[in-house]
Amino acid sequence: MATWIVKFFNRKNNFGFITPDEGGKDVFVHGTNVNGYINDGDAVEYELGEGRKGPEAKNVTKVGGEAEGGKTAQMDTEDDMDMAA
């Protein structure tokens, strides 16, 4: 698995991009491919796969932390996030 940094992730729209520490081309990530929660600036591991429109991060997991409660990054309200904590 590769380790990159979350450039941004929009929980409301359920997608974002990750980028390598050393620079390079960003990779699209959809919330359905995220294990747990990710936020902007998080280090993540992922497997590179093929999405509908090109390369896409699959099986994305935050480095240094386990998935919280087995939930995915598909929550789109603060109430949902508070309930999961």
Foldseek 3Di string as FASTA:
>chain_A
DDKWFFQAAALQQQKGWTAHPVGDDIAIEGQVQEFAADGGGFIWDFDWDADPVGIHTHNIYTPPDHHQPRDISNDHDVVVVVVSD
